[in-house]
C-alpha atoms as a PDB file:
ATOM      1  CA  UNK A   1     118.919  32.945  31.897  1.00  0.00           C
ATOM      2  CA  UNK A   2     122.413  33.843  30.711  1.00  0.00           C
ATOM      3  CA  UNK A   3     125.023  31.098  30.523  1.00  0.00           C
ATOM      4  CA  UNK A   4     128.697  32.013  30.560  1.00  0.00           C
ATOM      5  CA  UNK A   5     131.366  29.455  29.721  1.00  0.00           C
ATOM      6  CA  UNK A   6     134.956  30.266  30.480  1.00  0.00           C
ATOM      7  CA  UNK A   7     138.018  28.827  28.781  1.00  0.00           C
ATOM      8  CA  UNK A   8     138.435  26.283  31.566  1.00  0.00           C
ATOM      9  CA  UNK A   9     134.904  24.953  31.086  1.00  0.00           C
ATOM     10  CA  UNK A  10     133.429  26.669  34.162  1.00  0.00           C
ATOM     11  CA  UNK A  11     129.801  27.479  33.584  1.00  0.00           C
ATOM     12  CA  UNK A  12     127.901  30.181  35.360  1.00  0.00           C
ATOM     13  CA  UNK A  13     124.235  31.051  35.136  1.00  0.00           C
ATOM     14  CA  UNK A  14     123.064  34.566  35.729  1.00  0.00           C
ATOM     15  CA  UNK A  15     119.364  35.105  36.117  1.00  0.00           C
ATOM     16  CA  UNK A  16     117.643  38.118  34.645  1.00  0.00           C
ATOM     17  CA  UNK A  17     119.652  41.119  35.683  1.00  0.00           C
ATOM     18  CA  UNK A  18     117.778  44.336  36.226  1.00  0.00           C
ATOM     19  CA  UNK A  19     120.710  46.688  36.301  1.00  0.00           C
ATOM     20  CA  UNK A  20     120.529  50.282  35.144  1.00  0.00           C
ATOM     21  CA  UNK A  21     122.834  53.108  36.022  1.00  0.00           C
ATOM     22  CA  UNK A  22     122.071  56.695  35.254  1.00  0.00           C
ATOM     23  CA  UNK A  23     124.146  58.454  32.629  1.00  0.00           C
ATOM     24  CA  UNK A  24     126.863  60.650  34.141  1.00  0.00           C
ATOM     25  CA  UNK A  25     126.843  63.281  31.371  1.00  0.00           C
ATOM     26  CA  UNK A  26     129.604  65.532  32.738  1.00  0.00           C
ATOM     27  CA  UNK A  27     131.912  62.609  33.468  1.00  0.00           C
ATOM     28  CA  UNK A  28     131.088  61.064  30.094  1.00  0.00           C
ATOM     29  CA  UNK A  29     131.945  64.251  28.208  1.00  0.00           C
ATOM     30  CA  UNK A  30     135.075  64.912  30.217  1.00  0.00           C
ATOM     31  CA  UNK A  31     136.254  61.303  29.856  1.00  0.00           C
ATOM     32  CA  UNK A  32     136.045  61.740  26.071  1.00  0.00           C
ATOM     33  CA  UNK A  33     137.898  65.066  26.242  1.00  0.00           C
ATOM     34  CA  UNK A  34     140.543  63.573  28.535  1.00  0.00           C
ATOM     35  CA  UNK A  35     141.102  60.557  26.276  1.00  0.00           C
ATOM     36  CA  UNK A  36     141.429  62.882  23.262  1.00  0.00           C
ATOM     37  CA  UNK A  37     143.782  65.243  25.081  1.00  0.00           C
ATOM     38  CA  UNK A  38     146.058  62.464  26.309  1.00  0.00           C
ATOM     39  CA  UNK A  39     146.146  60.751  22.906  1.00  0.00           C
ATOM     40  CA  UNK A  40     147.815  63.701  21.140  1.00  0.00           C
ATOM     41  CA  UNK A  41     144.597  65.713  20.885  1.00  0.00           C
ATOM     42  CA  UNK A  42     142.453  63.134  19.107  1.00  0.00           C
ATOM     43  CA  UNK A  43     140.917  59.675  19.137  1.00  0.00           C
ATOM     44  CA  UNK A  44     140.973  58.161  15.670  1.00  0.00           C
ATOM     45  CA  UNK A  45     137.759  56.221  15.008  1.00  0.00           C
ATOM     46  CA  UNK A  46     134.393  55.669  16.686  1.00  0.00           C
ATOM     47  CA  UNK A  47     135.304  52.025  17.315  1.00  0.00           C
ATOM     48  CA  UNK A  48     138.452  53.032  19.217  1.00  0.00           C
ATOM     49  CA  UNK A  49     136.581  55.601  21.312  1.00  0.00           C
ATOM     50  CA  UNK A  50     133.796  53.090  22.081  1.00  0.00           C
ATOM     51  CA  UNK A  51     136.289  50.427  23.193  1.00  0.00           C
ATOM     52  CA  UNK A  52     138.367  52.827  25.332  1.00  0.00           C
ATOM     53  CA  UNK A  53     135.175  53.836  27.157  1.00  0.00           C
ATOM     54  CA  UNK A  54     134.191  50.165  27.492  1.00  0.00           C
ATOM     55  CA  UNK A  55     137.525  49.254  29.083  1.00  0.00           C
ATOM     56  CA  UNK A  56     137.372  52.296  31.397  1.00  0.00           C
ATOM     57  CA  UNK A  57     133.829  51.486  32.556  1.00  0.00           C
ATOM     58  CA  UNK A  58     134.184  47.715  32.874  1.00  0.00           C
ATOM     59  CA  UNK A  59     137.633  47.857  34.495  1.00  0.00           C
ATOM     60  CA  UNK A  60     136.369  50.352  37.075  1.00  0.00           C
ATOM     61  CA  UNK A  61     133.239  48.270  37.631  1.00  0.00           C
ATOM     62  CA  UNK A  62     135.302  45.123  38.129  1.00  0.00           C
ATOM     63  CA  UNK A  63     137.502  46.920  40.654  1.00  0.00           C
ATOM     64  CA  UNK A  64     134.955  49.116  42.476  1.00  0.00           C
ATOM     65  CA  UNK A  65     131.418  48.338  41.259  1.00  0.00           C
ATOM     66  CA  UNK A  66     131.148  51.812  39.668  1.00  0.00           C
ATOM     67  CA  UNK A  67     131.106  53.113  36.115  1.00  0.00           C
ATOM     68  CA  UNK A  68     132.550  56.404  34.882  1.00  0.00           C
ATOM     69  CA  UNK A  69     129.974  57.103  32.160  1.00  0.00           C
ATOM     70  CA  UNK A  70     126.969  55.242  33.562  1.00  0.00           C
ATOM     71  CA  UNK A  71     126.206  54.144  30.002  1.00  0.00           C
ATOM     72  CA  UNK A  72     124.656  50.845  28.912  1.00  0.00           C
ATOM     73  CA  UNK A  73     126.804  48.790  26.520  1.00  0.00           C
ATOM     74  CA  UNK A  74     125.424  46.554  23.788  1.00  0.00           C
ATOM     75  CA  UNK A  75     127.148  43.517  22.278  1.00  0.00           C
ATOM     76  CA  UNK A  76     127.353  44.468  18.609  1.00  0.00           C
ATOM     77  CA  UNK A  77     129.268  42.602  15.885  1.00  0.00           C
ATOM     78  CA  UNK A  78     132.305  44.887  16.278  1.00  0.00           C
ATOM     79  CA  UNK A  79     132.298  44.551  20.064  1.00  0.00           C
ATOM     80  CA  UNK A  80     130.802  46.432  23.019  1.00  0.00           C
ATOM     81  CA  UNK A  81     129.320  49.824  22.124  1.00  0.00           C
ATOM     82  CA  UNK A  82     128.060  52.431  24.613  1.00  0.00           C
ATOM     83  CA  UNK A  83     124.419  53.248  23.809  1.00  0.00           C
ATOM     84  CA  UNK A  84     124.646  57.021  24.345  1.00  0.00           C
ATOM     85  CA  UNK A  85     127.986  57.590  22.563  1.00  0.00           C
ATOM     86  CA  UNK A  86     126.442  59.149  19.439  1.00  0.00           C
ATOM     87  CA  UNK A  87     124.131  61.373  21.503  1.00  0.00           C
ATOM     88  CA  UNK A  88     126.942  62.541  23.803  1.00  0.00           C
ATOM     89  CA  UNK A  89     129.483  63.264  21.035  1.00  0.00           C
ATOM     90  CA  UNK A  90     126.863  65.094  18.926  1.00  0.00           C
ATOM     91  CA  UNK A  91     125.931  67.204  21.942  1.00  0.00           C
ATOM     92  CA  UNK A  92     129.626  67.967  22.564  1.00  0.00           C
ATOM     93  CA  UNK A  93     130.107  68.996  18.925  1.00  0.00           C
ATOM     94  CA  UNK A  94     127.099  71.335  19.131  1.00  0.00           C
ATOM     95  CA  UNK A  95     128.605  72.929  22.261  1.00  0.00           C
ATOM     96  CA  UNK A  96     131.899  73.289  20.342  1.00  0.00           C
ATOM     97  CA  UNK A  97     133.938  71.359  22.902  1.00  0.00           C
ATOM     98  CA  UNK A  98     134.595  68.443  20.533  1.00  0.00           C
ATOM     99  CA  UNK A  99     135.228  68.383  16.811  1.00  0.00           C
ATOM    100  CA  UNK A 100     134.177  65.325  14.822  1.00  0.00           C
ATOM    101  CA  UNK A 101     135.927  65.115  11.484  1.00  0.00           C
ATOM    102  CA  UNK A 102     135.097  62.459   8.898  1.00  0.00           C
ATOM    103  CA  UNK A 103     138.019  61.225   6.791  1.00  0.00           C
ATOM    104  CA  UNK A 104     137.599  58.934   3.797  1.00  0.00           C
ATOM    105  CA  UNK A 105     140.573  56.593   4.179  1.00  0.00           C
ATOM    106  CA  UNK A 106     139.752  53.615   1.972  1.00  0.00           C
ATOM    107  CA  UNK A 107     137.386  53.001  -0.910  1.00  0.00           C
ATOM    108  CA  UNK A 108     134.383  50.901   0.058  1.00  0.00           C
ATOM    109  CA  UNK A 109     134.702  51.684   3.791  1.00  0.00           C
ATOM    110  CA  UNK A 110     132.768  54.138   5.930  1.00  0.00           C
ATOM    111  CA  UNK A 111     134.654  57.347   6.663  1.00  0.00           C
ATOM    112  CA  UNK A 112     136.755  57.296   9.841  1.00  0.00           C
ATOM    113  CA  UNK A 113     135.519  59.661  12.524  1.00  0.00           C
ATOM    114  CA  UNK A 114     138.299  61.621  14.203  1.00  0.00           C
ATOM    115  CA  UNK A 115     137.380  63.064  17.608  1.00  0.00           C
ATOM    116  CA  UNK A 116     139.410  66.171  18.468  1.00  0.00           C
ATOM    117  CA  UNK A 117     139.142  68.000  21.758  1.00  0.00           C
ATOM    118  CA  UNK A 118     138.523  71.722  21.413  1.00  0.00           C
ATOM    119  CA  UNK A 119     138.043  72.346  25.129  1.00  0.00           C
ATOM    120  CA  UNK A 120     140.183  71.080  27.986  1.00  0.00           C
ATOM    121  CA  UNK A 121     138.633  68.410  30.180  1.00  0.00           C
ATOM    122  CA  UNK A 122     137.377  69.403  33.620  1.00  0.00           C
ATOM    123  CA  UNK A 123     139.229  66.887  35.769  1.00  0.00           C
ATOM    124  CA  UNK A 124     137.423  68.044  38.930  1.00  0.00           C
ATOM    125  CA  UNK A 125     134.422  65.879  37.897  1.00  0.00           C
ATOM    126  CA  UNK A 126     136.490  62.708  38.495  1.00  0.00           C
ATOM    127  CA  UNK A 127     137.488  61.242  41.817  1.00  0.00           C
ATOM    128  CA  UNK A 128     141.056  59.964  42.159  1.00  0.00           C
ATOM    129  CA  UNK A 129     140.119  56.365  41.354  1.00  0.00           C
ATOM    130  CA  UNK A 130     138.310  57.347  38.128  1.00  0.00           C
ATOM    131  CA  UNK A 131     141.222  59.525  36.987  1.00  0.00           C
ATOM    132  CA  UNK A 132     143.694  56.705  37.721  1.00  0.00           C
ATOM    133  CA  UNK A 133     141.529  54.290  35.722  1.00  0.00           C
ATOM    134  CA  UNK A 134     141.400  56.639  32.724  1.00  0.00           C
ATOM    135  CA  UNK A 135     145.200  57.046  32.897  1.00  0.00           C
ATOM    136  CA  UNK A 136     145.575  53.257  33.060  1.00  0.00           C
ATOM    137  CA  UNK A 137     143.336  52.812  29.997  1.00  0.00           C
ATOM    138  CA  UNK A 138     145.372  55.399  28.055  1.00  0.00           C
ATOM    139  CA  UNK A 139     148.656  53.642  28.884  1.00  0.00           C
ATOM    140  CA  UNK A 140     147.351  50.111  28.355  1.00  0.00           C
ATOM    141  CA  UNK A 141     145.139  50.607  25.289  1.00  0.00           C
ATOM    142  CA  UNK A 142     145.728  54.100  23.858  1.00  0.00           C
ATOM    143  CA  UNK A 143     148.366  52.946  21.358  1.00  0.00           C
ATOM    144  CA  UNK A 144     146.059  50.300  19.842  1.00  0.00           C
ATOM    145  CA  UNK A 145     143.760  50.885  16.877  1.00  0.00           C
ATOM    146  CA  UNK A 146     140.022  50.146  16.727  1.00  0.00           C
ATOM    147  CA  UNK A 147     140.476  46.697  15.161  1.00  0.00           C
ATOM    148  CA  UNK A 148     142.980  45.622  17.839  1.00  0.00           C
ATOM    149  CA  UNK A 149     140.659  46.868  20.596  1.00  0.00           C
ATOM    150  CA  UNK A 150     137.731  45.061  18.938  1.00  0.00           C
ATOM    151  CA  UNK A 151     139.686  41.791  19.020  1.00  0.00           C
ATOM    152  CA  UNK A 152     140.584  42.274  22.709  1.00  0.00           C
ATOM    153  CA  UNK A 153     136.983  43.063  23.647  1.00  0.00           C
ATOM    154  CA  UNK A 154     135.701  40.005  21.733  1.00  0.00           C
ATOM    155  CA  UNK A 155     137.878  37.795  23.949  1.00  0.00           C
ATOM    156  CA  UNK A 156     136.360  39.130  27.167  1.00  0.00           C
ATOM    157  CA  UNK A 157     133.712  37.416  29.302  1.00  0.00           C
ATOM    158  CA  UNK A 158     131.213  40.331  29.169  1.00  0.00           C
ATOM    159  CA  UNK A 159     131.102  40.174  25.356  1.00  0.00           C
ATOM    160  CA  UNK A 160     131.298  36.374  25.080  1.00  0.00           C
ATOM    161  CA  UNK A 161     128.565  35.918  27.687  1.00  0.00           C
ATOM    162  CA  UNK A 162     126.073  38.280  26.040  1.00  0.00           C
ATOM    163  CA  UNK A 163     123.740  37.563  23.127  1.00  0.00           C
ATOM    164  CA  UNK A 164     124.395  39.697  20.072  1.00  0.00           C
ATOM    165  CA  UNK A 165     122.669  43.112  20.205  1.00  0.00           C
ATOM    166  CA  UNK A 166     121.688  42.664  23.872  1.00  0.00           C
ATOM    167  CA  UNK A 167     122.734  44.766  26.850  1.00  0.00           C
ATOM    168  CA  UNK A 168     126.008  43.628  28.415  1.00  0.00           C
ATOM    169  CA  UNK A 169     125.519  43.202  32.177  1.00  0.00           C
ATOM    170  CA  UNK A 170     128.232  45.030  34.128  1.00  0.00           C
ATOM    171  CA  UNK A 171     128.337  42.069  36.524  1.00  0.00           C
ATOM    172  CA  UNK A 172     130.047  40.001  33.842  1.00  0.00           C
ATOM    173  CA  UNK A 173     133.118  42.152  34.499  1.00  0.00           C
ATOM    174  CA  UNK A 174     133.736  39.938  37.543  1.00  0.00           C
ATOM    175  CA  UNK A 175     134.595  37.052  35.179  1.00  0.00           C
ATOM    176  CA  UNK A 176     137.509  38.968  33.609  1.00  0.00           C
ATOM    177  CA  UNK A 177     140.142  38.516  36.342  1.00  0.00           C
ATOM    178  CA  UNK A 178     141.910  41.772  35.470  1.00  0.00           C
ATOM    179  CA  UNK A 179     145.261  42.457  37.125  1.00  0.00           C
ATOM    180  CA  UNK A 180     145.064  45.870  38.813  1.00  0.00           C
ATOM    181  CA  UNK A 181     148.595  45.797  40.278  1.00  0.00           C
ATOM    182  CA  UNK A 182     149.494  48.712  38.015  1.00  0.00           C
ATOM    183  CA  UNK A 183     147.138  51.009  39.957  1.00  0.00           C
END
């Protein structure tokens, strides 16, 4: 049983949730390409890419009970991480539609991965609502770095309400109370 406490002390219990979507590979790949294209040709850092996808998927789920990528997110110490991100980006690099460059920025830190789109995204894979959500994510979060996005995601009900390293139930998106008036 999962217990979620909100800031106002409201407690909710969710029983075992058996919720699995199927991975939408084409949408996943094209969402990454679109994010890269719109953010001056690149997304700087795996953490930033992971959080942008998280916000796109969980915002769309909160609004319409659908996910763009269909991926499963895990609550890791640095925030929500899509399970198939490494697999998808590696596959895209092999197909030469995405370049992944590793830059050593600071001593003692892992290299930063820079994701650069080589191919243009195929926007025909998205319906209007999905495209609008991606555009919203770019405007709302695209200017933030990975650390800032990590802090925002840590303050959200889906992350707070999930045990570390466990799957984050999409249904917890309903506890976010996101304002969609900008759509």
